[in-house]
Amino acid sequence: MVYPGKVFHSVSSLSKNVPVLSCGGLTKRFLVPGWRMGWITIHDRHNLFKNVRTALMKLSARILGPNAAVQGALPRILTETPQSFFDETVAILQKHATLAYEILTEVRGLRPIMPDGAMYMMIRIDVDNFPEYPTDLHFVKALVEEQSIFCLPGQCFEYPNYIRIVLTVPEDLLREACFRIAEFCEKHFKIDERIIQNAIIDTVN
């Protein structure tokens, strides 16, 4: 999943000797997370993962979640979904990403990262400017309580001082969510006193 103008490179195409496990599923590319259907493709030119392959086959024989109906539908989903579905999906996601990026870039204390192809956006929090909330988790909790906007804290991904928003919601709701985030940040934003002190020192010197 990449936005127009970007190019996807499979990791397996770059590896000649190191085995690569590529994970796929219906959740992201087909936008059906509740179906809990995924797969692993093994790229192993020298059969170094022989035992790993055997273990994965045994693991897949256990009850892991996907029901029989979803498994039965998978071949047709993979082979008969028209390219237009993916093109339209990516176009909408890119449009939403651009919308969120343009709004949140203007918010003091936030630094959104424009994705190259995703249904999410990562946003850096300048925590020094929000002294009430020492971590991204505190920030997210307060955002839910005050604005009813739920984001995942970066700690979930071992990426502290970031939050993650979803881009798949309808455009009007995404716009409102971004404005609520902006309102929250404007209310709680504080100028870092260290910056002021350094500026005073520089002026004096």
N, C-alpha and C. Protein backbone atom coordinates (compact mmCIF):
# COMPACT_ATOMS: atom_id res chain seq x y z
N MET A 1 0.85 -1.18 0.00
CA MET A 1 0.00 0.00 0.00
C MET A 1 0.88 1.24 0.00
N VAL A 2 1.01 1.87 -1.16
CA VAL A 2 1.79 3.11 -1.27
C VAL A 2 0.97 4.14 -2.02
N TYR A 3 1.17 5.39 -1.68
CA TYR A 3 0.44 6.47 -2.34
C TYR A 3 0.99 6.70 -3.74
N PRO A 4 0.17 7.28 -4.62
CA PRO A 4 0.64 7.58 -5.98
C PRO A 4 1.94 8.39 -5.96
N GLY A 5 2.86 7.98 -6.83
CA GLY A 5 4.15 8.66 -6.88
C GLY A 5 5.22 8.00 -6.03
N LYS A 6 4.82 7.05 -5.18
CA LYS A 6 5.76 6.32 -4.34
C LYS A 6 5.93 4.90 -4.87
N VAL A 7 7.05 4.28 -4.55
CA VAL A 7 7.35 2.93 -5.06
C VAL A 7 7.56 1.97 -3.89
N PHE A 8 6.94 0.81 -3.96
CA PHE A 8 7.11 -0.21 -2.94
C PHE A 8 8.20 -1.20 -3.36
N HIS A 9 9.11 -1.49 -2.46
CA HIS A 9 10.17 -2.48 -2.71
C HIS A 9 10.03 -3.61 -1.69
N SER A 10 9.81 -4.80 -2.16
CA SER A 10 9.72 -5.94 -1.27
C SER A 10 11.09 -6.25 -0.67
N VAL A 11 11.11 -6.48 0.64
CA VAL A 11 12.38 -6.80 1.31
C VAL A 11 12.97 -8.08 0.73
N SER A 12 12.12 -9.03 0.35
CA SER A 12 12.61 -10.30 -0.18
C SER A 12 13.38 -10.10 -1.49
N SER A 13 13.02 -9.07 -2.26
CA SER A 13 13.71 -8.82 -3.52
C SER A 13 15.12 -8.27 -3.30
N LEU A 14 15.40 -7.82 -2.08
CA LEU A 14 16.70 -7.25 -1.76
C LEU A 14 17.63 -8.26 -1.09
N SER A 15 17.08 -9.41 -0.72
CA SER A 15 17.86 -10.40 0.02
C SER A 15 18.22 -11.60 -0.86
N LYS A 16 19.51 -11.93 -0.92
CA LYS A 16 19.96 -13.09 -1.68
C LYS A 16 20.20 -14.31 -0.79
N ASN A 17 20.53 -14.07 0.47
CA ASN A 17 20.89 -15.17 1.35
C ASN A 17 20.05 -15.23 2.63
N VAL A 18 19.66 -14.09 3.15
CA VAL A 18 18.94 -14.05 4.43
C VAL A 18 17.46 -14.36 4.21
N PRO A 19 16.91 -15.35 4.93
CA PRO A 19 15.48 -15.66 4.80
C PRO A 19 14.61 -14.47 5.25
N VAL A 20 13.47 -14.33 4.61
CA VAL A 20 12.56 -13.23 4.94
C VAL A 20 11.16 -13.79 5.11
N LEU A 21 10.51 -13.39 6.20
CA LEU A 21 9.11 -13.74 6.42
C LEU A 21 8.27 -12.50 6.11
N SER A 22 7.41 -12.59 5.11
CA SER A 22 6.55 -11.47 4.74
C SER A 22 5.14 -11.75 5.26
N CYS A 23 4.63 -10.83 6.08
CA CYS A 23 3.30 -10.98 6.66
C CYS A 23 2.28 -10.18 5.86
N GLY A 24 1.15 -10.77 5.60
CA GLY A 24 0.06 -10.09 4.91
C GLY A 24 -1.25 -10.42 5.57
N GLY A 25 -2.32 -9.74 5.12
CA GLY A 25 -3.61 -10.01 5.72
C GLY A 25 -4.70 -9.14 5.12
N LEU A 26 -5.92 -9.39 5.55
CA LEU A 26 -7.06 -8.65 5.04
C LEU A 26 -7.25 -7.32 5.77
N THR A 27 -6.68 -7.20 6.95
CA THR A 27 -6.92 -6.03 7.79
C THR A 27 -6.60 -4.72 7.09
N LYS A 28 -5.39 -4.58 6.59
CA LYS A 28 -4.95 -3.30 6.04
C LYS A 28 -5.33 -3.13 4.57
N ARG A 29 -4.84 -3.99 3.72
CA ARG A 29 -5.03 -3.80 2.28
C ARG A 29 -6.49 -3.92 1.87
N PHE A 30 -7.26 -4.77 2.57
CA PHE A 30 -8.66 -4.96 2.22
C PHE A 30 -9.62 -4.29 3.20
N LEU A 31 -9.07 -3.67 4.25
CA LEU A 31 -9.84 -2.89 5.21
C LEU A 31 -10.93 -3.68 5.92
N VAL A 32 -10.61 -4.91 6.32
CA VAL A 32 -11.56 -5.71 7.10
C VAL A 32 -10.85 -6.30 8.33
N PRO A 33 -10.50 -5.45 9.31
CA PRO A 33 -9.74 -5.91 10.48
C PRO A 33 -10.47 -6.95 11.32
N GLY A 34 -11.80 -6.91 11.35
CA GLY A 34 -12.52 -7.84 12.20
C GLY A 34 -12.47 -9.28 11.75
N TRP A 35 -12.09 -9.51 10.51
CA TRP A 35 -12.05 -10.88 10.00
C TRP A 35 -10.84 -11.66 10.50
N ARG A 36 -9.85 -10.98 10.97
CA ARG A 36 -8.67 -11.63 11.57
C ARG A 36 -8.08 -12.72 10.68
N MET A 37 -7.87 -12.37 9.42
CA MET A 37 -7.32 -13.35 8.48
C MET A 37 -6.00 -12.84 7.94
N GLY A 38 -4.95 -13.63 8.10
CA GLY A 38 -3.64 -13.22 7.61
C GLY A 38 -2.82 -14.41 7.18
N TRP A 39 -1.63 -14.15 6.69
CA TRP A 39 -0.78 -15.21 6.18
C TRP A 39 0.68 -14.79 6.25
N ILE A 40 1.55 -15.76 6.13
CA ILE A 40 2.99 -15.52 6.10
C ILE A 40 3.57 -16.17 4.86
N THR A 41 4.32 -15.39 4.08
CA THR A 41 5.00 -15.92 2.90
C THR A 41 6.49 -16.06 3.25
N ILE A 42 7.03 -17.24 3.00
CA ILE A 42 8.43 -17.51 3.33
C ILE A 42 9.30 -17.35 2.09
N HIS A 43 10.26 -16.45 2.16
CA HIS A 43 11.25 -16.27 1.09
C HIS A 43 12.56 -16.86 1.60
N ASP A 44 12.91 -18.02 1.10
CA ASP A 44 14.06 -18.74 1.66
C ASP A 44 14.76 -19.51 0.54
N ARG A 45 15.67 -18.85 -0.15
CA ARG A 45 16.32 -19.43 -1.32
C ARG A 45 17.16 -20.67 -1.00
N HIS A 46 17.68 -20.74 0.23
CA HIS A 46 18.60 -21.83 0.57
C HIS A 46 18.01 -22.79 1.60
N ASN A 47 16.70 -22.71 1.80
CA ASN A 47 16.00 -23.62 2.71
C ASN A 47 16.58 -23.61 4.12
N LEU A 48 16.99 -22.44 4.56
CA LEU A 48 17.55 -22.30 5.90
C LEU A 48 16.46 -22.35 6.97
N PHE A 49 15.23 -22.09 6.54
CA PHE A 49 14.11 -22.06 7.48
C PHE A 49 13.29 -23.35 7.43
N LYS A 50 13.95 -24.44 7.15
CA LYS A 50 13.23 -25.71 7.03
C LYS A 50 12.43 -26.02 8.28
N ASN A 51 13.07 -25.90 9.44
CA ASN A 51 12.38 -26.19 10.71
C ASN A 51 11.35 -25.13 11.04
N VAL A 52 11.66 -23.89 10.68
CA VAL A 52 10.70 -22.81 10.91
C VAL A 52 9.44 -23.04 10.09
N ARG A 53 9.63 -23.46 8.85
CA ARG A 53 8.49 -23.74 7.97
C ARG A 53 7.60 -24.83 8.57
N THR A 54 8.23 -25.88 9.07
CA THR A 54 7.48 -26.98 9.69
C THR A 54 6.70 -26.50 10.91
N ALA A 55 7.35 -25.68 11.73
CA ALA A 55 6.69 -25.16 12.93
C ALA A 55 5.51 -24.26 12.57
N LEU A 56 5.66 -23.45 11.54
CA LEU A 56 4.57 -22.57 11.11
C LEU A 56 3.38 -23.38 10.59
N MET A 57 3.65 -24.45 9.87
CA MET A 57 2.58 -25.30 9.37
C MET A 57 1.82 -25.93 10.54
N LYS A 58 2.55 -26.36 11.56
CA LYS A 58 1.88 -26.95 12.73
C LYS A 58 1.07 -25.88 13.46
N LEU A 59 1.62 -24.69 13.55
CA LEU A 59 0.91 -23.61 14.23
C LEU A 59 -0.37 -23.23 13.50
N SER A 60 -0.32 -23.25 12.17
CA SER A 60 -1.49 -22.87 11.38
C SER A 60 -2.62 -23.89 11.49
N ALA A 61 -2.31 -25.10 11.95
CA ALA A 61 -3.32 -26.13 12.11
C ALA A 61 -4.13 -25.96 13.39
N ARG A 62 -3.67 -25.07 14.25
CA ARG A 62 -4.39 -24.81 15.50
C ARG A 62 -5.49 -23.79 15.24
N ILE A 63 -6.42 -23.68 16.18
CA ILE A 63 -7.49 -22.69 16.04
C ILE A 63 -6.94 -21.33 16.46
N LEU A 64 -6.70 -20.46 15.48
CA LEU A 64 -6.10 -19.16 15.75
C LEU A 64 -7.06 -18.00 15.53
N GLY A 65 -8.25 -18.27 15.04
CA GLY A 65 -9.19 -17.17 14.89
C GLY A 65 -10.05 -17.18 13.64
N PRO A 66 -9.47 -17.24 12.44
CA PRO A 66 -10.28 -17.14 11.22
C PRO A 66 -11.29 -18.29 11.12
N ASN A 67 -12.54 -17.95 10.80
CA ASN A 67 -13.54 -19.00 10.67
C ASN A 67 -13.52 -19.59 9.27
N ALA A 68 -14.23 -20.67 9.09
CA ALA A 68 -14.20 -21.41 7.82
C ALA A 68 -14.74 -20.57 6.66
N ALA A 69 -15.76 -19.73 6.92
CA ALA A 69 -16.35 -18.94 5.85
C ALA A 69 -15.34 -17.94 5.28
N VAL A 70 -14.60 -17.29 6.17
CA VAL A 70 -13.60 -16.32 5.73
C VAL A 70 -12.48 -17.02 4.97
N GLN A 71 -12.04 -18.16 5.49
CA GLN A 71 -10.99 -18.91 4.80
C GLN A 71 -11.47 -19.36 3.42
N GLY A 72 -12.73 -19.75 3.32
CA GLY A 72 -13.27 -20.19 2.05
C GLY A 72 -13.37 -19.06 1.04
N ALA A 73 -13.60 -17.86 1.53
CA ALA A 73 -13.76 -16.71 0.64
C ALA A 73 -12.41 -16.12 0.20
N LEU A 74 -11.35 -16.46 0.91
CA LEU A 74 -10.05 -15.83 0.66
C LEU A 74 -9.54 -15.98 -0.78
N PRO A 75 -9.59 -17.17 -1.40
CA PRO A 75 -9.08 -17.27 -2.77
C PRO A 75 -9.74 -16.27 -3.73
N ARG A 76 -11.07 -16.12 -3.64
CA ARG A 76 -11.75 -15.19 -4.53
C ARG A 76 -11.42 -13.74 -4.17
N ILE A 77 -11.26 -13.47 -2.88
CA ILE A 77 -10.89 -12.11 -2.45
C ILE A 77 -9.55 -11.72 -3.07
N LEU A 78 -8.60 -12.66 -3.05
CA LEU A 78 -7.26 -12.37 -3.55
C LEU A 78 -7.19 -12.29 -5.07
N THR A 79 -8.03 -13.06 -5.74
CA THR A 79 -7.92 -13.13 -7.20
C THR A 79 -8.94 -12.28 -7.95
N GLU A 80 -10.06 -11.95 -7.31
CA GLU A 80 -11.13 -11.29 -8.04
C GLU A 80 -11.42 -9.85 -7.59
N THR A 81 -10.71 -9.37 -6.58
CA THR A 81 -10.89 -7.97 -6.18
C THR A 81 -10.31 -7.08 -7.27
N PRO A 82 -11.11 -6.20 -7.85
CA PRO A 82 -10.61 -5.36 -8.96
C PRO A 82 -9.56 -4.35 -8.50
N GLN A 83 -8.66 -4.03 -9.38
CA GLN A 83 -7.61 -3.05 -9.07
C GLN A 83 -8.21 -1.70 -8.71
N SER A 84 -9.39 -1.41 -9.25
CA SER A 84 -10.04 -0.13 -8.95
C SER A 84 -10.32 0.04 -7.47
N PHE A 85 -10.58 -1.08 -6.77
CA PHE A 85 -10.81 -1.01 -5.32
C PHE A 85 -9.58 -0.48 -4.61
N PHE A 86 -8.41 -1.01 -4.96
CA PHE A 86 -7.17 -0.58 -4.32
C PHE A 86 -6.83 0.86 -4.71
N ASP A 87 -7.03 1.18 -5.97
CA ASP A 87 -6.72 2.54 -6.43
C ASP A 87 -7.57 3.57 -5.70
N GLU A 88 -8.87 3.29 -5.57
CA GLU A 88 -9.77 4.22 -4.90
C GLU A 88 -9.45 4.31 -3.41
N THR A 89 -9.14 3.18 -2.81
CA THR A 89 -8.81 3.16 -1.38
C THR A 89 -7.57 4.00 -1.10
N VAL A 90 -6.53 3.80 -1.89
CA VAL A 90 -5.28 4.53 -1.69
C VAL A 90 -5.48 6.02 -1.94
N ALA A 91 -6.28 6.35 -2.94
CA ALA A 91 -6.54 7.76 -3.24
C ALA A 91 -7.25 8.45 -2.08
N ILE A 92 -8.21 7.76 -1.47
CA ILE A 92 -8.93 8.32 -0.32
C ILE A 92 -7.99 8.49 0.86
N LEU A 93 -7.17 7.47 1.12
CA LEU A 93 -6.24 7.55 2.24
C LEU A 93 -5.24 8.69 2.05
N GLN A 94 -4.75 8.85 0.84
CA GLN A 94 -3.81 9.94 0.58
C GLN A 94 -4.49 11.30 0.78
N LYS A 95 -5.72 11.42 0.32
CA LYS A 95 -6.47 12.66 0.50
C LYS A 95 -6.65 12.97 1.98
N HIS A 96 -7.01 11.94 2.76
CA HIS A 96 -7.21 12.12 4.20
C HIS A 96 -5.89 12.45 4.90
N ALA A 97 -4.82 11.79 4.47
CA ALA A 97 -3.51 12.06 5.07
C ALA A 97 -3.10 13.50 4.82
N THR A 98 -3.32 13.97 3.61
CA THR A 98 -2.98 15.35 3.26
C THR A 98 -3.80 16.33 4.09
N LEU A 99 -5.09 16.04 4.25
CA LEU A 99 -5.97 16.89 5.05
C LEU A 99 -5.47 16.99 6.49
N ALA A 100 -5.22 15.83 7.11
CA ALA A 100 -4.76 15.81 8.50
C ALA A 100 -3.41 16.50 8.64
N TYR A 101 -2.53 16.25 7.70
CA TYR A 101 -1.19 16.85 7.76
C TYR A 101 -1.26 18.37 7.68
N GLU A 102 -2.08 18.88 6.76
CA GLU A 102 -2.17 20.33 6.59
C GLU A 102 -2.75 21.01 7.83
N ILE A 103 -3.73 20.37 8.47
CA ILE A 103 -4.32 20.97 9.67
C ILE A 103 -3.37 20.88 10.86
N LEU A 104 -2.82 19.70 11.09
CA LEU A 104 -2.02 19.48 12.29
C LEU A 104 -0.63 20.10 12.20
N THR A 105 -0.14 20.39 10.99
CA THR A 105 1.15 21.06 10.85
C THR A 105 1.09 22.47 11.45
N GLU A 106 -0.10 23.06 11.45
CA GLU A 106 -0.26 24.42 11.96
C GLU A 106 -0.46 24.45 13.48
N VAL A 107 -0.53 23.29 14.12
CA VAL A 107 -0.80 23.23 15.56
C VAL A 107 0.52 23.30 16.33
N ARG A 108 0.58 24.25 17.24
CA ARG A 108 1.79 24.38 18.06
C ARG A 108 1.95 23.16 18.95
N GLY A 109 3.17 22.63 18.98
CA GLY A 109 3.47 21.49 19.82
C GLY A 109 3.33 20.14 19.15
N LEU A 110 2.85 20.14 17.90
CA LEU A 110 2.71 18.89 17.16
C LEU A 110 3.54 18.93 15.89
N ARG A 111 4.05 17.76 15.50
CA ARG A 111 4.83 17.63 14.27
C ARG A 111 4.39 16.36 13.54
N PRO A 112 3.35 16.46 12.72
CA PRO A 112 2.87 15.27 12.01
C PRO A 112 3.86 14.82 10.94
N ILE A 113 3.87 13.52 10.68
CA ILE A 113 4.73 12.94 9.64
C ILE A 113 3.83 12.47 8.51
N MET A 114 4.01 13.05 7.34
CA MET A 114 3.20 12.66 6.18
C MET A 114 3.61 11.26 5.73
N PRO A 115 2.68 10.29 5.78
CA PRO A 115 3.03 8.92 5.36
C PRO A 115 3.17 8.80 3.85
N ASP A 116 3.93 7.81 3.40
CA ASP A 116 4.07 7.51 1.98
C ASP A 116 3.06 6.48 1.51
N GLY A 117 2.40 5.85 2.46
CA GLY A 117 1.40 4.86 2.12
C GLY A 117 0.96 4.11 3.36
N ALA A 118 -0.15 4.54 3.96
CA ALA A 118 -0.62 3.91 5.19
C ALA A 118 -2.02 4.39 5.51
N MET A 119 -2.68 3.68 6.42
CA MET A 119 -3.99 4.11 6.89
C MET A 119 -3.87 4.82 8.24
N TYR A 120 -2.63 5.15 8.60
CA TYR A 120 -2.35 5.84 9.86
C TYR A 120 -1.42 7.02 9.62
N MET A 121 -1.33 7.87 10.65
CA MET A 121 -0.34 8.94 10.63
C MET A 121 0.28 9.05 12.03
N MET A 122 1.59 9.13 12.07
CA MET A 122 2.31 9.34 13.33
C MET A 122 2.51 10.84 13.53
N ILE A 123 2.32 11.29 14.78
CA ILE A 123 2.44 12.71 15.10
C ILE A 123 3.33 12.87 16.33
N ARG A 124 4.38 13.63 16.17
CA ARG A 124 5.29 13.87 17.28
C ARG A 124 4.70 14.92 18.21
N ILE A 125 4.83 14.67 19.51
CA ILE A 125 4.40 15.64 20.52
C ILE A 125 5.64 16.28 21.13
N ASP A 126 5.71 17.59 21.09
CA ASP A 126 6.78 18.30 21.80
C ASP A 126 6.40 18.35 23.28
N VAL A 127 6.75 17.29 24.01
CA VAL A 127 6.27 17.13 25.38
C VAL A 127 6.70 18.28 26.29
N ASP A 128 7.82 18.93 25.97
CA ASP A 128 8.26 20.05 26.81
C ASP A 128 7.26 21.20 26.77
N ASN A 129 6.45 21.24 25.71
CA ASN A 129 5.45 22.29 25.60
C ASN A 129 4.11 21.92 26.22
N PHE A 130 4.04 20.70 26.74
CA PHE A 130 2.82 20.25 27.43
C PHE A 130 3.21 19.68 28.79
N PRO A 131 3.66 20.53 29.71
CA PRO A 131 4.18 20.06 31.01
C PRO A 131 3.16 19.31 31.85
N GLU A 132 1.87 19.49 31.56
CA GLU A 132 0.84 18.75 32.31
C GLU A 132 0.89 17.26 32.00
N TYR A 133 1.45 16.92 30.84
CA TYR A 133 1.43 15.54 30.37
C TYR A 133 2.85 15.09 30.07
N PRO A 134 3.49 14.44 31.03
CA PRO A 134 4.90 14.07 30.86
C PRO A 134 5.17 13.01 29.80
N THR A 135 4.14 12.25 29.42
CA THR A 135 4.33 11.21 28.41
C THR A 135 3.18 11.25 27.40
N ASP A 136 3.37 10.54 26.29
CA ASP A 136 2.33 10.46 25.27
C ASP A 136 1.08 9.76 25.81
N LEU A 137 1.25 8.85 26.77
CA LEU A 137 0.11 8.16 27.35
C LEU A 137 -0.76 9.14 28.13
N HIS A 138 -0.14 10.01 28.93
CA HIS A 138 -0.89 11.03 29.66
C HIS A 138 -1.60 11.97 28.69
N PHE A 139 -0.93 12.31 27.62
CA PHE A 139 -1.49 13.20 26.60
C PHE A 139 -2.75 12.58 25.98
N VAL A 140 -2.66 11.30 25.62
CA VAL A 140 -3.78 10.60 24.99
C VAL A 140 -4.96 10.48 25.95
N LYS A 141 -4.69 10.17 27.20
CA LYS A 141 -5.76 10.03 28.18
C LYS A 141 -6.52 11.35 28.33
N ALA A 142 -5.79 12.44 28.42
CA ALA A 142 -6.43 13.75 28.59
C ALA A 142 -7.21 14.13 27.32
N LEU A 143 -6.68 13.76 26.16
CA LEU A 143 -7.35 14.07 24.90
C LEU A 143 -8.69 13.35 24.81
N VAL A 144 -8.74 12.11 25.28
CA VAL A 144 -9.99 11.36 25.29
C VAL A 144 -10.99 12.00 26.25
N GLU A 145 -10.51 12.37 27.43
CA GLU A 145 -11.40 12.93 28.45
C GLU A 145 -11.98 14.28 28.04
N GLU A 146 -11.16 15.11 27.40
CA GLU A 146 -11.60 16.47 27.08
C GLU A 146 -12.27 16.60 25.72
N GLN A 147 -11.81 15.83 24.73
CA GLN A 147 -12.29 16.02 23.37
C GLN A 147 -12.94 14.78 22.75
N SER A 148 -12.95 13.68 23.50
CA SER A 148 -13.51 12.42 22.99
C SER A 148 -12.82 11.97 21.71
N ILE A 149 -11.54 12.25 21.63
CA ILE A 149 -10.71 11.81 20.49
C ILE A 149 -9.74 10.76 21.00
N PHE A 150 -9.81 9.57 20.42
CA PHE A 150 -8.93 8.50 20.86
C PHE A 150 -7.81 8.27 19.85
N CYS A 151 -6.59 8.35 20.33
CA CYS A 151 -5.40 8.04 19.53
C CYS A 151 -4.61 6.98 20.28
N LEU A 152 -3.78 6.27 19.59
CA LEU A 152 -2.90 5.33 20.25
C LEU A 152 -1.61 6.04 20.64
N PRO A 153 -1.15 5.86 21.87
CA PRO A 153 0.12 6.46 22.28
C PRO A 153 1.28 5.76 21.60
N GLY A 154 2.34 6.51 21.34
CA GLY A 154 3.51 5.94 20.68
C GLY A 154 4.16 4.81 21.48
N GLN A 155 3.90 4.79 22.77
CA GLN A 155 4.47 3.72 23.61
C GLN A 155 4.03 2.34 23.12
N CYS A 156 2.87 2.27 22.48
CA CYS A 156 2.39 0.98 21.96
C CYS A 156 3.35 0.41 20.93
N PHE A 157 4.11 1.29 20.29
CA PHE A 157 5.02 0.88 19.22
C PHE A 157 6.48 1.12 19.59
N GLU A 158 6.71 1.30 20.91
CA GLU A 158 8.05 1.64 21.40
C GLU A 158 8.58 2.89 20.70
N TYR A 159 7.67 3.87 20.52
CA TYR A 159 7.98 5.12 19.84
C TYR A 159 7.47 6.26 20.71
N PRO A 160 8.14 6.51 21.84
CA PRO A 160 7.64 7.50 22.80
C PRO A 160 7.55 8.90 22.23
N ASN A 161 6.65 9.68 22.82
CA ASN A 161 6.42 11.09 22.45
C ASN A 161 5.76 11.23 21.08
N TYR A 162 5.06 10.20 20.65
CA TYR A 162 4.27 10.25 19.42
C TYR A 162 2.86 9.74 19.72
N ILE A 163 1.92 10.13 18.86
CA ILE A 163 0.59 9.54 18.87
C ILE A 163 0.28 9.08 17.44
N ARG A 164 -0.67 8.15 17.33
CA ARG A 164 -1.05 7.64 16.00
C ARG A 164 -2.53 7.84 15.78
N ILE A 165 -2.88 8.48 14.66
CA ILE A 165 -4.28 8.65 14.31
C ILE A 165 -4.61 7.77 13.11
N VAL A 166 -5.89 7.43 12.98
CA VAL A 166 -6.37 6.59 11.87
C VAL A 166 -6.94 7.48 10.78
N LEU A 167 -6.66 7.16 9.53
CA LEU A 167 -7.08 7.98 8.39
C LEU A 167 -8.29 7.41 7.65
N THR A 168 -8.87 6.32 8.15
CA THR A 168 -9.94 5.65 7.41
C THR A 168 -11.32 6.19 7.73
N VAL A 169 -11.44 7.10 8.69
CA VAL A 169 -12.76 7.64 9.03
C VAL A 169 -13.24 8.58 7.94
N PRO A 170 -14.55 8.83 7.84
CA PRO A 170 -15.05 9.78 6.83
C PRO A 170 -14.37 11.14 6.95
N GLU A 171 -14.26 11.82 5.82
CA GLU A 171 -13.49 13.06 5.76
C GLU A 171 -13.99 14.11 6.75
N ASP A 172 -15.31 14.25 6.88
CA ASP A 172 -15.84 15.28 7.79
C ASP A 172 -15.50 14.98 9.24
N LEU A 173 -15.52 13.69 9.61
CA LEU A 173 -15.16 13.31 10.97
C LEU A 173 -13.67 13.48 11.22
N LEU A 174 -12.86 13.18 10.22
CA LEU A 174 -11.42 13.36 10.36
C LEU A 174 -11.09 14.84 10.55
N ARG A 175 -11.75 15.67 9.77
CA ARG A 175 -11.52 17.12 9.88
C ARG A 175 -11.89 17.61 11.30
N GLU A 176 -13.06 17.17 11.77
CA GLU A 176 -13.49 17.57 13.11
C GLU A 176 -12.51 17.07 14.17
N ALA A 177 -12.05 15.84 14.02
CA ALA A 177 -11.10 15.28 14.99
C ALA A 177 -9.81 16.10 15.03
N CYS A 178 -9.32 16.49 13.86
CA CYS A 178 -8.10 17.29 13.80
C CYS A 178 -8.30 18.65 14.46
N PHE A 179 -9.45 19.25 14.25
CA PHE A 179 -9.74 20.54 14.88
C PHE A 179 -9.86 20.40 16.39
N ARG A 180 -10.40 19.28 16.85
CA ARG A 180 -10.50 19.05 18.29
C ARG A 180 -9.11 18.86 18.89
N ILE A 181 -8.25 18.14 18.17
CA ILE A 181 -6.88 17.98 18.63
C ILE A 181 -6.20 19.33 18.70
N ALA A 182 -6.43 20.17 17.69
CA ALA A 182 -5.83 21.51 17.67
C ALA A 182 -6.34 22.34 18.84
N GLU A 183 -7.62 22.26 19.12
CA GLU A 183 -8.19 23.00 20.24
C GLU A 183 -7.58 22.56 21.57
N PHE A 184 -7.43 21.24 21.73
CA PHE A 184 -6.82 20.69 22.94
C PHE A 184 -5.39 21.20 23.11
N CYS A 185 -4.63 21.15 22.03
CA CYS A 185 -3.23 21.56 22.10
C CYS A 185 -3.10 23.06 22.39
N GLU A 186 -3.94 23.86 21.78
CA GLU A 186 -3.89 25.30 22.00
C GLU A 186 -4.19 25.64 23.46
N LYS A 187 -5.08 24.87 24.06
CA LYS A 187 -5.46 25.10 25.46
C LYS A 187 -4.33 24.76 26.41
N HIS A 188 -3.58 23.72 26.10
CA HIS A 188 -2.59 23.21 27.05
C HIS A 188 -1.14 23.54 26.67
N PHE A 189 -0.95 24.15 25.52
CA PHE A 189 0.40 24.48 25.06
C PHE A 189 1.04 25.52 25.98
N LYS A 190 2.29 25.27 26.35
CA LYS A 190 3.06 26.21 27.17
C LYS A 190 4.43 26.40 26.52
N ILE A 191 4.90 27.62 26.51
CA ILE A 191 6.24 27.88 25.97
C ILE A 191 7.26 27.30 26.94
N ASP A 192 8.20 26.56 26.41
CA ASP A 192 9.26 25.96 27.23
C ASP A 192 10.11 27.07 27.85
N GLU A 193 10.14 27.12 29.16
CA GLU A 193 10.86 28.18 29.86
C GLU A 193 12.35 28.16 29.54
N ARG A 194 12.88 27.00 29.22
CA ARG A 194 14.31 26.91 28.90
C ARG A 194 14.62 27.66 27.61
N ILE A 195 13.67 27.63 26.65
CA ILE A 195 13.87 28.36 25.40
C ILE A 195 13.89 29.85 25.67
N ILE A 196 12.99 30.32 26.55
CA ILE A 196 12.93 31.73 26.89
C ILE A 196 14.21 32.17 27.58
N GLN A 197 14.68 31.34 28.52
CA GLN A 197 15.90 31.68 29.25
C GLN A 197 17.10 31.74 28.32
N ASN A 198 17.18 30.77 27.39
CA ASN A 198 18.31 30.78 26.44
C ASN A 198 18.24 31.99 25.53
N ALA A 199 17.02 32.39 25.14
CA ALA A 199 16.85 33.56 24.30
C ALA A 199 17.29 34.83 25.03
N ILE A 200 16.97 34.89 26.32
CA ILE A 200 17.38 36.05 27.12
C ILE A 200 18.89 36.11 27.23
N ILE A 201 19.50 34.95 27.47
CA ILE A 201 20.96 34.87 27.59
C ILE A 201 21.63 35.31 26.30
N ASP A 202 21.09 34.83 25.16
CA ASP A 202 21.65 35.19 23.86
C ASP A 202 21.53 36.69 23.62
N THR A 203 20.40 37.26 24.04
CA THR A 203 20.18 38.69 23.85
C THR A 203 21.17 39.51 24.68
N VAL A 204 21.36 39.06 25.91
CA VAL A 204 22.31 39.76 26.81
C VAL A 204 23.73 39.66 26.28
N ASN A 205 24.08 38.50 25.80
CA ASN A 205 25.45 38.30 25.30
C ASN A 205 25.66 39.07 23.99
